[in-house]
Amino acid sequence: MEPIEINAGSWYLRALRADERIDDRPALADGGITDPGYVAARSAQWADESHFSWAVCVPTTAEMVAEIGVTPGPDATAAVTGWARPGEDEALAAGLASVHRFVAGALGLTVPPPRVSRPD
């Protein structure tokens, strides 16, 4: 599946990027994610439909402020997780609500309550 972009009101959700135009790696590092292959791995997971992830972004700058991930389960459920940079809880909450609707409506999966974590 190709990555799906989601409009979450004041926030914009898109696939993670690390290219000449947008580089999410500094924001990911704020979340404790420093693996140089992380963005490529997330892209491959979209392709094989094993995990879907979104960068929650400021629409005017495309700056990543949170990340949301969805892992489909074998029983028509999906685990939803997310984390936000300090002070960006509102963005995470808005993104989670939109992702829950997408997972239920577009993917037809049941979503249990999300697990939200904070970077240390």
PDB file of N, CA and C in Angstrom:
ATOM      1  N   MET A   1       0.848  -1.168   0.000  1.00  0.00           N
ATOM      2  CA  MET A   1       0.000   0.000   0.000  1.00  0.00           C
ATOM      3  C   MET A   1       0.901   1.241   0.000  1.00  0.00           C
ATOM      4  N   GLU A   2       0.490   2.228  -0.752  1.00  0.00           N
ATOM      5  CA  GLU A   2       1.182   3.513  -0.731  1.00  0.00           C
ATOM      6  C   GLU A   2       0.796   4.265   0.539  1.00  0.00           C
ATOM      7  N   PRO A   3       1.692   5.069   1.103  1.00  0.00           N
ATOM      8  CA  PRO A   3       1.334   5.861   2.287  1.00  0.00           C
ATOM      9  C   PRO A   3       0.131   6.768   2.015  1.00  0.00           C
ATOM     10  N   ILE A   4      -0.727   6.866   2.999  1.00  0.00           N
ATOM     11  CA  ILE A   4      -1.934   7.676   2.931  1.00  0.00           C
ATOM     12  C   ILE A   4      -1.728   8.920   3.783  1.00  0.00           C
ATOM     13  N   GLU A   5      -2.001  10.080   3.221  1.00  0.00           N
ATOM     14  CA  GLU A   5      -1.939  11.330   3.978  1.00  0.00           C
ATOM     15  C   GLU A   5      -3.298  11.586   4.608  1.00  0.00           C
ATOM     16  N   ILE A   6      -3.279  12.160   5.812  1.00  0.00           N
ATOM     17  CA  ILE A   6      -4.517  12.399   6.557  1.00  0.00           C
ATOM     18  C   ILE A   6      -4.526  13.853   7.029  1.00  0.00           C
ATOM     19  N   ASN A   7      -5.659  14.514   6.846  1.00  0.00           N
ATOM     20  CA  ASN A   7      -5.859  15.848   7.390  1.00  0.00           C
ATOM     21  C   ASN A   7      -6.489  15.679   8.756  1.00  0.00           C
ATOM     22  N   ALA A   8      -5.817  16.185   9.787  1.00  0.00           N
ATOM     23  CA  ALA A   8      -6.320  16.064  11.159  1.00  0.00           C
ATOM     24  C   ALA A   8      -6.643  17.448  11.716  1.00  0.00           C
ATOM     25  N   GLY A   9      -7.417  18.218  10.989  1.00  0.00           N
ATOM     26  CA  GLY A   9      -7.777  19.561  11.439  1.00  0.00           C
ATOM     27  C   GLY A   9      -6.589  20.502  11.361  1.00  0.00           C
ATOM     28  N   SER A  10      -6.062  20.881  12.494  1.00  0.00           N
ATOM     29  CA  SER A  10      -4.916  21.793  12.543  1.00  0.00           C
ATOM     30  C   SER A  10      -3.594  21.100  12.253  1.00  0.00           C
ATOM     31  N   TRP A  11      -3.632  19.800  12.015  1.00  0.00           N
ATOM     32  CA  TRP A  11      -2.413  19.015  11.817  1.00  0.00           C
ATOM     33  C   TRP A  11      -2.506  18.225  10.522  1.00  0.00           C
ATOM     34  N   TYR A  12      -1.363  17.891  10.005  1.00  0.00           N
ATOM     35  CA  TYR A  12      -1.261  17.173   8.746  1.00  0.00           C
ATOM     36  C   TYR A  12      -0.449  15.911   9.009  1.00  0.00           C
ATOM     37  N   LEU A  13      -0.964  14.750   8.622  1.00  0.00           N
ATOM     38  CA  LEU A  13      -0.265  13.485   8.824  1.00  0.00           C
ATOM     39  C   LEU A  13       0.233  12.973   7.478  1.00  0.00           C
ATOM     40  N   ARG A  14       1.494  12.615   7.436  1.00  0.00           N
ATOM     41  CA  ARG A  14       2.120  12.132   6.211  1.00  0.00           C
ATOM     42  C   ARG A  14       3.120  11.054   6.567  1.00  0.00           C
ATOM     43  N   ALA A  15       3.617  10.370   5.549  1.00  0.00           N
ATOM     44  CA  ALA A  15       4.662   9.366   5.767  1.00  0.00           C
ATOM     45  C   ALA A  15       5.930  10.045   6.267  1.00  0.00           C
ATOM     46  N   LEU A  16       6.719   9.297   7.007  1.00  0.00           N
ATOM     47  CA  LEU A  16       8.019   9.808   7.452  1.00  0.00           C
ATOM     48  C   LEU A  16       8.900  10.051   6.241  1.00  0.00           C
ATOM     49  N   ARG A  17       9.768  11.061   6.346  1.00  0.00           N
ATOM     50  CA  ARG A  17      10.651  11.392   5.221  1.00  0.00           C
ATOM     51  C   ARG A  17      12.059  11.699   5.712  1.00  0.00           C
ATOM     52  N   ALA A  18      12.999  11.423   4.846  1.00  0.00           N
ATOM     53  CA  ALA A  18      14.406  11.794   5.046  1.00  0.00           C
ATOM     54  C   ALA A  18      15.001  11.973   3.658  1.00  0.00           C
ATOM     55  N   ASP A  19      14.722  13.113   3.059  1.00  0.00           N
ATOM     56  CA  ASP A  19      15.201  13.377   1.711  1.00  0.00           C
ATOM     57  C   ASP A  19      15.701  14.816   1.620  1.00  0.00           C
ATOM     58  N   GLU A  20      15.953  15.277   0.402  1.00  0.00           N
ATOM     59  CA  GLU A  20      16.525  16.606   0.224  1.00  0.00           C
ATOM     60  C   GLU A  20      15.546  17.731   0.574  1.00  0.00           C
ATOM     61  N   ARG A  21      14.253  17.446   0.638  1.00  0.00           N
ATOM     62  CA  ARG A  21      13.256  18.470   0.951  1.00  0.00           C
ATOM     63  C   ARG A  21      12.822  18.467   2.406  1.00  0.00           C
ATOM     64  N   ILE A  22      12.629  17.279   2.974  1.00  0.00           N
ATOM     65  CA  ILE A  22      12.156  17.156   4.361  1.00  0.00           C
ATOM     66  C   ILE A  22      12.951  16.050   5.037  1.00  0.00           C
ATOM     67  N   ASP A  23      13.456  16.348   6.229  1.00  0.00           N
ATOM     68  CA  ASP A  23      14.218  15.353   6.984  1.00  0.00           C
ATOM     69  C   ASP A  23      13.646  15.258   8.395  1.00  0.00           C
ATOM     70  N   ASP A  24      12.950  14.159   8.666  1.00  0.00           N
ATOM     71  CA  ASP A  24      12.335  13.947   9.980  1.00  0.00           C
ATOM     72  C   ASP A  24      13.302  13.399  11.023  1.00  0.00           C
ATOM     73  N   ARG A  25      14.514  13.067  10.629  1.00  0.00           N
ATOM     74  CA  ARG A  25      15.438  12.431  11.573  1.00  0.00           C
ATOM     75  C   ARG A  25      15.747  13.273  12.805  1.00  0.00           C
ATOM     76  N   PRO A  26      15.884  14.604  12.732  1.00  0.00           N
ATOM     77  CA  PRO A  26      16.086  15.372  13.968  1.00  0.00           C
ATOM     78  C   PRO A  26      14.896  15.275  14.932  1.00  0.00           C
ATOM     79  N   ALA A  27      13.686  15.308  14.396  1.00  0.00           N
ATOM     80  CA  ALA A  27      12.501  15.166  15.244  1.00  0.00           C
ATOM     81  C   ALA A  27      12.433  13.765  15.833  1.00  0.00           C
ATOM     82  N   LEU A  28      12.763  12.761  15.036  1.00  0.00           N
ATOM     83  CA  LEU A  28      12.787  11.388  15.548  1.00  0.00           C
ATOM     84  C   LEU A  28      13.806  11.250  16.670  1.00  0.00           C
ATOM     85  N   ALA A  29      14.951  11.903  16.525  1.00  0.00           N
ATOM     86  CA  ALA A  29      15.975  11.852  17.577  1.00  0.00           C
ATOM     87  C   ALA A  29      15.438  12.446  18.877  1.00  0.00           C
ATOM     88  N   ASP A  30      14.581  13.472  18.787  1.00  0.00           N
ATOM     89  CA  ASP A  30      13.941  14.025  19.989  1.00  0.00           C
ATOM     90  C   ASP A  30      13.097  12.971  20.686  1.00  0.00           C
ATOM     91  N   GLY A  31      12.607  12.004  19.931  1.00  0.00           N
ATOM     92  CA  GLY A  31      11.822  10.900  20.485  1.00  0.00           C
ATOM     93  C   GLY A  31      12.657   9.690  20.842  1.00  0.00           C
ATOM     94  N   GLY A  32      13.989   9.841  20.760  1.00  0.00           N
ATOM     95  CA  GLY A  32      14.884   8.747  21.121  1.00  0.00           C
ATOM     96  C   GLY A  32      15.126   7.759  19.992  1.00  0.00           C
ATOM     97  N   ILE A  33      14.700   8.093  18.783  1.00  0.00           N
ATOM     98  CA  ILE A  33      14.850   7.194  17.643  1.00  0.00           C
ATOM     99  C   ILE A  33      16.018   7.691  16.805  1.00  0.00           C
ATOM    100  N   THR A  34      17.128   6.978  16.868  1.00  0.00           N
ATOM    101  CA  THR A  34      18.340   7.422  16.185  1.00  0.00           C
ATOM    102  C   THR A  34      18.836   6.445  15.121  1.00  0.00           C
ATOM    103  N   ASP A  35      18.120   5.384  14.887  1.00  0.00           N
ATOM    104  CA  ASP A  35      18.502   4.408  13.863  1.00  0.00           C
ATOM    105  C   ASP A  35      18.479   5.080  12.492  1.00  0.00           C
ATOM    106  N   PRO A  36      19.610   5.121  11.772  1.00  0.00           N
ATOM    107  CA  PRO A  36      19.637   5.798  10.477  1.00  0.00           C
ATOM    108  C   PRO A  36      18.742   5.140   9.425  1.00  0.00           C
ATOM    109  N   GLY A  37      18.348   3.895   9.626  1.00  0.00           N
ATOM    110  CA  GLY A  37      17.486   3.203   8.682  1.00  0.00           C
ATOM    111  C   GLY A  37      16.014   3.216   9.050  1.00  0.00           C
ATOM    112  N   TYR A  38      15.664   3.950  10.086  1.00  0.00           N
ATOM    113  CA  TYR A  38      14.294   3.942  10.600  1.00  0.00           C
ATOM    114  C   TYR A  38      13.274   4.398   9.555  1.00  0.00           C
ATOM    115  N   VAL A  39      13.532   5.509   8.884  1.00  0.00           N
ATOM    116  CA  VAL A  39      12.580   6.035   7.903  1.00  0.00           C
ATOM    117  C   VAL A  39      12.412   5.049   6.746  1.00  0.00           C
ATOM    118  N   ALA A  40      13.498   4.481   6.258  1.00  0.00           N
ATOM    119  CA  ALA A  40      13.423   3.500   5.172  1.00  0.00           C
ATOM    120  C   ALA A  40      12.648   2.260   5.616  1.00  0.00           C
ATOM    121  N   ALA A  41      12.860   1.825   6.850  1.00  0.00           N
ATOM    122  CA  ALA A  41      12.136   0.662   7.360  1.00  0.00           C
ATOM    123  C   ALA A  41      10.640   0.942   7.436  1.00  0.00           C
ATOM    124  N   ARG A  42      10.275   2.136   7.892  1.00  0.00           N
ATOM    125  CA  ARG A  42       8.854   2.484   7.962  1.00  0.00           C
ATOM    126  C   ARG A  42       8.237   2.530   6.567  1.00  0.00           C
ATOM    127  N   SER A  43       8.979   3.002   5.588  1.00  0.00           N
ATOM    128  CA  SER A  43       8.490   3.030   4.211  1.00  0.00           C
ATOM    129  C   SER A  43       8.264   1.605   3.696  1.00  0.00           C
ATOM    130  N   ALA A  44       9.191   0.707   3.967  1.00  0.00           N
ATOM    131  CA  ALA A  44       9.057  -0.690   3.544  1.00  0.00           C
ATOM    132  C   ALA A  44       7.848  -1.346   4.220  1.00  0.00           C
ATOM    133  N   GLN A  45       7.563  -0.963   5.456  1.00  0.00           N
ATOM    134  CA  GLN A  45       6.421  -1.538   6.166  1.00  0.00           C
ATOM    135  C   GLN A  45       5.097  -1.092   5.552  1.00  0.00           C
ATOM    136  N   TRP A  46       5.048   0.132   5.035  1.00  0.00           N
ATOM    137  CA  TRP A  46       3.853   0.551   4.292  1.00  0.00           C
ATOM    138  C   TRP A  46       3.675  -0.374   3.095  1.00  0.00           C
ATOM    139  N   ALA A  47       4.765  -0.617   2.374  1.00  0.00           N
ATOM    140  CA  ALA A  47       4.696  -1.425   1.151  1.00  0.00           C
ATOM    141  C   ALA A  47       4.206  -2.845   1.417  1.00  0.00           C
ATOM    142  N   ASP A  48       4.671  -3.450   2.528  1.00  0.00           N
ATOM    143  CA  ASP A  48       4.230  -4.825   2.813  1.00  0.00           C
ATOM    144  C   ASP A  48       3.036  -4.881   3.771  1.00  0.00           C
ATOM    145  N   GLU A  49       2.515  -3.719   4.136  1.00  0.00           N
ATOM    146  CA  GLU A  49       1.320  -3.575   4.977  1.00  0.00           C
ATOM    147  C   GLU A  49       1.460  -4.218   6.352  1.00  0.00           C
ATOM    148  N   SER A  50       2.693  -4.249   6.870  1.00  0.00           N
ATOM    149  CA  SER A  50       2.915  -4.812   8.207  1.00  0.00           C
ATOM    150  C   SER A  50       2.838  -3.747   9.302  1.00  0.00           C
ATOM    151  N   HIS A  51       3.000  -2.489   8.932  1.00  0.00           N
ATOM    152  CA  HIS A  51       2.934  -1.379   9.889  1.00  0.00           C
ATOM    153  C   HIS A  51       2.724  -0.095   9.091  1.00  0.00           C
ATOM    154  N   PHE A  52       1.858   0.764   9.607  1.00  0.00           N
ATOM    155  CA  PHE A  52       1.601   2.050   8.965  1.00  0.00           C
ATOM    156  C   PHE A  52       2.013   3.137   9.952  1.00  0.00           C
ATOM    157  N   SER A  53       2.748   4.126   9.492  1.00  0.00           N
ATOM    158  CA  SER A  53       3.195   5.176  10.399  1.00  0.00           C
ATOM    159  C   SER A  53       3.011   6.543   9.758  1.00  0.00           C
ATOM    160  N   TRP A  54       2.785   7.514  10.622  1.00  0.00           N
ATOM    161  CA  TRP A  54       2.585   8.885  10.182  1.00  0.00           C
ATOM    162  C   TRP A  54       3.411   9.843  11.023  1.00  0.00           C
ATOM    163  N   ALA A  55       3.961  10.832  10.355  1.00  0.00           N
ATOM    164  CA  ALA A  55       4.534  11.989  11.032  1.00  0.00           C
ATOM    165  C   ALA A  55       3.384  12.979  11.185  1.00  0.00           C
ATOM    166  N   VAL A  56       3.136  13.417  12.408  1.00  0.00           N
ATOM    167  CA  VAL A  56       2.133  14.452  12.653  1.00  0.00           C
ATOM    168  C   VAL A  56       2.872  15.775  12.506  1.00  0.00           C
ATOM    169  N   CYS A  57       2.401  16.616  11.588  1.00  0.00           N
ATOM    170  CA  CYS A  57       3.174  17.799  11.201  1.00  0.00           C
ATOM    171  C   CYS A  57       2.385  19.095  11.305  1.00  0.00           C
ATOM    172  N   VAL A  58       3.137  20.167  11.471  1.00  0.00           N
ATOM    173  CA  VAL A  58       2.602  21.517  11.361  1.00  0.00           C
ATOM    174  C   VAL A  58       2.356  21.754   9.867  1.00  0.00           C
ATOM    175  N   PRO A  59       1.136  22.072   9.458  1.00  0.00           N
ATOM    176  CA  PRO A  59       0.842  22.179   8.029  1.00  0.00           C
ATOM    177  C   PRO A  59       1.659  23.244   7.289  1.00  0.00           C
ATOM    178  N   THR A  60       1.964  24.330   7.929  1.00  0.00           N
ATOM    179  CA  THR A  60       2.652  25.423   7.231  1.00  0.00           C
ATOM    180  C   THR A  60       4.142  25.190   7.052  1.00  0.00           C
ATOM    181  N   THR A  61       4.742  24.339   7.898  1.00  0.00           N
ATOM    182  CA  THR A  61       6.193  24.123   7.821  1.00  0.00           C
ATOM    183  C   THR A  61       6.581  22.679   7.538  1.00  0.00           C
ATOM    184  N   ALA A  62       5.645  21.747   7.669  1.00  0.00           N
ATOM    185  CA  ALA A  62       5.881  20.306   7.544  1.00  0.00           C
ATOM    186  C   ALA A  62       6.772  19.765   8.654  1.00  0.00           C
ATOM    187  N   GLU A  63       6.983  20.547   9.723  1.00  0.00           N
ATOM    188  CA  GLU A  63       7.799  20.079  10.854  1.00  0.00           C
ATOM    189  C   GLU A  63       7.071  18.964  11.594  1.00  0.00           C
ATOM    190  N   MET A  64       7.763  17.863  11.813  1.00  0.00           N
ATOM    191  CA  MET A  64       7.214  16.722  12.534  1.00  0.00           C
ATOM    192  C   MET A  64       7.222  17.013  14.026  1.00  0.00           C
ATOM    193  N   VAL A  65       6.052  16.835  14.669  1.00  0.00           N
ATOM    194  CA  VAL A  65       5.951  17.069  16.109  1.00  0.00           C
ATOM    195  C   VAL A  65       5.541  15.813  16.868  1.00  0.00           C
ATOM    196  N   ALA A  66       5.099  14.782  16.155  1.00  0.00           N
ATOM    197  CA  ALA A  66       4.685  13.527  16.790  1.00  0.00           C
ATOM    198  C   ALA A  66       4.724  12.426  15.741  1.00  0.00           C
ATOM    199  N   GLU A  67       4.665  11.189  16.218  1.00  0.00           N
ATOM    200  CA  GLU A  67       4.584  10.037  15.329  1.00  0.00           C
ATOM    201  C   GLU A  67       3.501   9.103  15.825  1.00  0.00           C
ATOM    202  N   ILE A  68       2.746   8.559  14.878  1.00  0.00           N
ATOM    203  CA  ILE A  68       1.707   7.579  15.191  1.00  0.00           C
ATOM    204  C   ILE A  68       1.962   6.341  14.342  1.00  0.00           C
ATOM    205  N   GLY A  69       1.841   5.183  14.955  1.00  0.00           N
ATOM    206  CA  GLY A  69       2.032   3.928  14.249  1.00  0.00           C
ATOM    207  C   GLY A  69       0.864   2.992  14.459  1.00  0.00           C
ATOM    208  N   VAL A  70       0.579   2.201  13.436  1.00  0.00           N
ATOM    209  CA  VAL A  70      -0.497   1.210  13.478  1.00  0.00           C
ATOM    210  C   VAL A  70       0.063  -0.121  13.009  1.00  0.00           C
ATOM    211  N   THR A  71      -0.107  -1.141  13.842  1.00  0.00           N
ATOM    212  CA  THR A  71       0.311  -2.489  13.476  1.00  0.00           C
ATOM    213  C   THR A  71      -0.927  -3.377  13.402  1.00  0.00           C
ATOM    214  N   PRO A  72      -1.288  -3.842  12.196  1.00  0.00           N
ATOM    215  CA  PRO A  72      -2.441  -4.737  12.074  1.00  0.00           C
ATOM    216  C   PRO A  72      -2.169  -6.068  12.766  1.00  0.00           C
ATOM    217  N   GLY A  73      -3.198  -6.584  13.415  1.00  0.00           N
ATOM    218  CA  GLY A  73      -3.088  -7.882  14.069  1.00  0.00           C
ATOM    219  C   GLY A  73      -3.714  -8.968  13.220  1.00  0.00           C
ATOM    220  N   PRO A  74      -3.539 -10.218  13.610  1.00  0.00           N
ATOM    221  CA  PRO A  74      -4.082 -11.337  12.824  1.00  0.00           C
ATOM    222  C   PRO A  74      -5.590 -11.506  12.971  1.00  0.00           C
ATOM    223  N   ASP A  75      -6.191 -10.807  13.923  1.00  0.00           N
ATOM    224  CA  ASP A  75      -7.608 -11.012  14.234  1.00  0.00           C
ATOM    225  C   ASP A  75      -8.474  -9.790  13.930  1.00  0.00           C
ATOM    226  N   ALA A  76      -8.154  -9.054  12.885  1.00  0.00           N
ATOM    227  CA  ALA A  76      -8.905  -7.864  12.457  1.00  0.00           C
ATOM    228  C   ALA A  76      -8.869  -6.741  13.492  1.00  0.00           C
ATOM    229  N   THR A  77      -7.791  -6.695  14.253  1.00  0.00           N
ATOM    230  CA  THR A  77      -7.564  -5.589  15.177  1.00  0.00           C
ATOM    231  C   THR A  77      -6.288  -4.873  14.747  1.00  0.00           C
ATOM    232  N   ALA A  78      -6.043  -3.760  15.375  1.00  0.00           N
ATOM    233  CA  ALA A  78      -4.817  -3.016  15.107  1.00  0.00           C
ATOM    234  C   ALA A  78      -4.343  -2.375  16.400  1.00  0.00           C
ATOM    235  N   ALA A  79      -3.044  -2.449  16.644  1.00  0.00           N
ATOM    236  CA  ALA A  79      -2.442  -1.755  17.780  1.00  0.00           C
ATOM    237  C   ALA A  79      -2.015  -0.374  17.301  1.00  0.00           C
ATOM    238  N   VAL A  80      -2.400   0.650  18.042  1.00  0.00           N
ATOM    239  CA  VAL A  80      -2.061   2.024  17.704  1.00  0.00           C
ATOM    240  C   VAL A  80      -1.173   2.576  18.810  1.00  0.00           C
ATOM    241  N   THR A  81      -0.044   3.138  18.407  1.00  0.00           N
ATOM    242  CA  THR A  81       0.874   3.742  19.374  1.00  0.00           C
ATOM    243  C   THR A  81       1.232   5.138  18.902  1.00  0.00           C
ATOM    244  N   GLY A  82       1.733   5.942  19.807  1.00  0.00           N
ATOM    245  CA  GLY A  82       2.155   7.282  19.423  1.00  0.00           C
ATOM    246  C   GLY A  82       3.020   7.925  20.480  1.00  0.00           C
ATOM    247  N   TRP A  83       3.785   8.896  20.047  1.00  0.00           N
ATOM    248  CA  TRP A  83       4.594   9.707  20.952  1.00  0.00           C
ATOM    249  C   TRP A  83       4.655  11.119  20.375  1.00  0.00           C
ATOM    250  N   ALA A  84       4.901  12.062  21.247  1.00  0.00           N
ATOM    251  CA  ALA A  84       4.981  13.459  20.821  1.00  0.00           C
ATOM    252  C   ALA A  84       6.215  14.117  21.406  1.00  0.00           C
ATOM    253  N   ARG A  85       6.714  15.089  20.677  1.00  0.00           N
ATOM    254  CA  ARG A  85       7.788  15.919  21.207  1.00  0.00           C
ATOM    255  C   ARG A  85       7.219  16.717  22.383  1.00  0.00           C
ATOM    256  N   PRO A  86       8.065  17.147  23.309  1.00  0.00           N
ATOM    257  CA  PRO A  86       7.560  17.907  24.468  1.00  0.00           C
ATOM    258  C   PRO A  86       6.700  19.101  24.039  1.00  0.00           C
ATOM    259  N   GLY A  87       5.549  19.222  24.702  1.00  0.00           N
ATOM    260  CA  GLY A  87       4.635  20.318  24.425  1.00  0.00           C
ATOM    261  C   GLY A  87       3.706  20.097  23.245  1.00  0.00           C
ATOM    262  N   GLU A  88       3.732  18.922  22.642  1.00  0.00           N
ATOM    263  CA  GLU A  88       2.941  18.659  21.434  1.00  0.00           C
ATOM    264  C   GLU A  88       1.849  17.616  21.653  1.00  0.00           C
ATOM    265  N   ASP A  89       1.349  17.527  22.876  1.00  0.00           N
ATOM    266  CA  ASP A  89       0.306  16.549  23.191  1.00  0.00           C
ATOM    267  C   ASP A  89      -0.980  16.789  22.400  1.00  0.00           C
ATOM    268  N   GLU A  90      -1.309  18.048  22.133  1.00  0.00           N
ATOM    269  CA  GLU A  90      -2.516  18.365  21.367  1.00  0.00           C
ATOM    270  C   GLU A  90      -2.424  17.799  19.947  1.00  0.00           C
ATOM    271  N   ALA A  91      -1.266  17.924  19.345  1.00  0.00           N
ATOM    272  CA  ALA A  91      -1.066  17.385  17.998  1.00  0.00           C
ATOM    273  C   ALA A  91      -1.216  15.867  17.999  1.00  0.00           C
ATOM    274  N   LEU A  92      -0.640  15.224  19.005  1.00  0.00           N
ATOM    275  CA  LEU A  92      -0.746  13.773  19.098  1.00  0.00           C
ATOM    276  C   LEU A  92      -2.195  13.345  19.268  1.00  0.00           C
ATOM    277  N   ALA A  93      -2.930  14.013  20.137  1.00  0.00           N
ATOM    278  CA  ALA A  93      -4.331  13.653  20.378  1.00  0.00           C
ATOM    279  C   ALA A  93      -5.165  13.809  19.108  1.00  0.00           C
ATOM    280  N   ALA A  94      -4.972  14.903  18.390  1.00  0.00           N
ATOM    281  CA  ALA A  94      -5.716  15.118  17.144  1.00  0.00           C
ATOM    282  C   ALA A  94      -5.342  14.066  16.106  1.00  0.00           C
ATOM    283  N   GLY A  95      -4.056  13.768  16.017  1.00  0.00           N
ATOM    284  CA  GLY A  95      -3.607  12.755  15.071  1.00  0.00           C
ATOM    285  C   GLY A  95      -4.159  11.380  15.400  1.00  0.00           C
ATOM    286  N   LEU A  96      -4.140  11.024  16.670  1.00  0.00           N
ATOM    287  CA  LEU A  96      -4.668   9.720  17.081  1.00  0.00           C
ATOM    288  C   LEU A  96      -6.142   9.579  16.729  1.00  0.00           C
ATOM    289  N   ALA A  97      -6.919  10.621  16.960  1.00  0.00           N
ATOM    290  CA  ALA A  97      -8.351  10.556  16.640  1.00  0.00           C
ATOM    291  C   ALA A  97      -8.549  10.310  15.143  1.00  0.00           C
ATOM    292  N   SER A  98      -7.790  11.004  14.320  1.00  0.00           N
ATOM    293  CA  SER A  98      -7.916  10.828  12.864  1.00  0.00           C
ATOM    294  C   SER A  98      -7.445   9.449  12.412  1.00  0.00           C
ATOM    295  N   VAL A  99      -6.360   8.969  12.994  1.00  0.00           N
ATOM    296  CA  VAL A  99      -5.846   7.647  12.626  1.00  0.00           C
ATOM    297  C   VAL A  99      -6.832   6.563  13.056  1.00  0.00           C
ATOM    298  N   HIS A 100      -7.436   6.709  14.213  1.00  0.00           N
ATOM    299  CA  HIS A 100      -8.440   5.730  14.644  1.00  0.00           C
ATOM    300  C   HIS A 100      -9.576   5.648  13.633  1.00  0.00           C
ATOM    301  N   ARG A 101     -10.041   6.802  13.162  1.00  0.00           N
ATOM    302  CA  ARG A 101     -11.120   6.800  12.165  1.00  0.00           C
ATOM    303  C   ARG A 101     -10.661   6.143  10.867  1.00  0.00           C
ATOM    304  N   PHE A 102      -9.430   6.442  10.431  1.00  0.00           N
ATOM    305  CA  PHE A 102      -8.900   5.844   9.207  1.00  0.00           C
ATOM    306  C   PHE A 102      -8.791   4.326   9.335  1.00  0.00           C
ATOM    307  N   VAL A 103      -8.248   3.859  10.447  1.00  0.00           N
ATOM    308  CA  VAL A 103      -8.049   2.422  10.633  1.00  0.00           C
ATOM    309  C   VAL A 103      -9.390   1.692  10.656  1.00  0.00           C
ATOM    310  N   ALA A 104     -10.375   2.263  11.339  1.00  0.00           N
ATOM    311  CA  ALA A 104     -11.689   1.621  11.394  1.00  0.00           C
ATOM    312  C   ALA A 104     -12.414   1.716  10.056  1.00  0.00           C
ATOM    313  N   GLY A 105     -12.407   2.899   9.450  1.00  0.00           N
ATOM    314  CA  GLY A 105     -13.169   3.103   8.226  1.00  0.00           C
ATOM    315  C   GLY A 105     -12.514   2.551   6.973  1.00  0.00           C
ATOM    316  N   ALA A 106     -11.255   2.869   6.770  1.00  0.00           N
ATOM    317  CA  ALA A 106     -10.581   2.478   5.530  1.00  0.00           C
ATOM    318  C   ALA A 106     -10.009   1.062   5.578  1.00  0.00           C
ATOM    319  N   LEU A 107      -9.506   0.667   6.744  1.00  0.00           N
ATOM    320  CA  LEU A 107      -8.898  -0.662   6.845  1.00  0.00           C
ATOM    321  C   LEU A 107      -9.834  -1.707   7.436  1.00  0.00           C
ATOM    322  N   GLY A 108     -10.938  -1.259   8.047  1.00  0.00           N
ATOM    323  CA  GLY A 108     -11.902  -2.190   8.611  1.00  0.00           C
ATOM    324  C   GLY A 108     -11.395  -2.941   9.826  1.00  0.00           C
ATOM    325  N   LEU A 109     -10.461  -2.335  10.564  1.00  0.00           N
ATOM    326  CA  LEU A 109      -9.882  -2.978  11.745  1.00  0.00           C
ATOM    327  C   LEU A 109     -10.450  -2.364  13.015  1.00  0.00           C
ATOM    328  N   THR A 110     -10.561  -3.175  14.057  1.00  0.00           N
ATOM    329  CA  THR A 110     -10.975  -2.711  15.365  1.00  0.00           C
ATOM    330  C   THR A 110      -9.756  -2.164  16.091  1.00  0.00           C
ATOM    331  N   VAL A 111      -9.932  -1.011  16.716  1.00  0.00           N
ATOM    332  CA  VAL A 111      -8.810  -0.360  17.387  1.00  0.00           C
ATOM    333  C   VAL A 111      -9.059  -0.330  18.889  1.00  0.00           C
ATOM    334  N   PRO A 112      -8.231  -1.059  19.661  1.00  0.00           N
ATOM    335  CA  PRO A 112      -8.328  -0.933  21.116  1.00  0.00           C
ATOM    336  C   PRO A 112      -7.768   0.423  21.542  1.00  0.00           C
ATOM    337  N   PRO A 113      -7.926   0.817  22.809  1.00  0.00           N
ATOM    338  CA  PRO A 113      -7.388   2.104  23.258  1.00  0.00           C
ATOM    339  C   PRO A 113      -5.887   2.222  22.941  1.00  0.00           C
ATOM    340  N   PRO A 114      -5.433   3.430  22.537  1.00  0.00           N
ATOM    341  CA  PRO A 114      -4.026   3.606  22.154  1.00  0.00           C
ATOM    342  C   PRO A 114      -3.083   3.570  23.337  1.00  0.00           C
ATOM    343  N   ARG A 115      -1.840   3.182  23.040  1.00  0.00           N
ATOM    344  CA  ARG A 115      -0.747   3.286  24.008  1.00  0.00           C
ATOM    345  C   ARG A 115       0.059   4.521  23.614  1.00  0.00           C
ATOM    346  N   VAL A 116       0.111   5.478  24.485  1.00  0.00           N
ATOM    347  CA  VAL A 116       0.850   6.699  24.218  1.00  0.00           C
ATOM    348  C   VAL A 116       2.073   6.714  25.094  1.00  0.00           C
ATOM    349  N   SER A 117       3.210   6.948  24.490  1.00  0.00           N
ATOM    350  CA  SER A 117       4.459   6.976  25.250  1.00  0.00           C
ATOM    351  C   SER A 117       5.101   8.343  25.111  1.00  0.00           C
ATOM    352  N   ARG A 118       5.981   8.645  25.980  1.00  0.00           N
ATOM    353  CA  ARG A 118       6.735   9.889  25.981  1.00  0.00           C
ATOM    354  C   ARG A 118       8.196   9.585  25.878  1.00  0.00           C
ATOM    355  N   PRO A 119       8.906  10.312  25.032  1.00  0.00           N
ATOM    356  CA  PRO A 119      10.363  10.127  25.014  1.00  0.00           C
ATOM    357  C   PRO A 119      10.944  10.527  26.366  1.00  0.00           C
ATOM    358  N   ASP A 120      11.988   9.850  26.775  1.00  0.00           N
ATOM    359  CA  ASP A 120      12.632  10.187  28.043  1.00  0.00           C
ATOM    360  C   ASP A 120      13.422  11.464  27.942  1.00  0.00           C
TER     361      ASP A 120
END
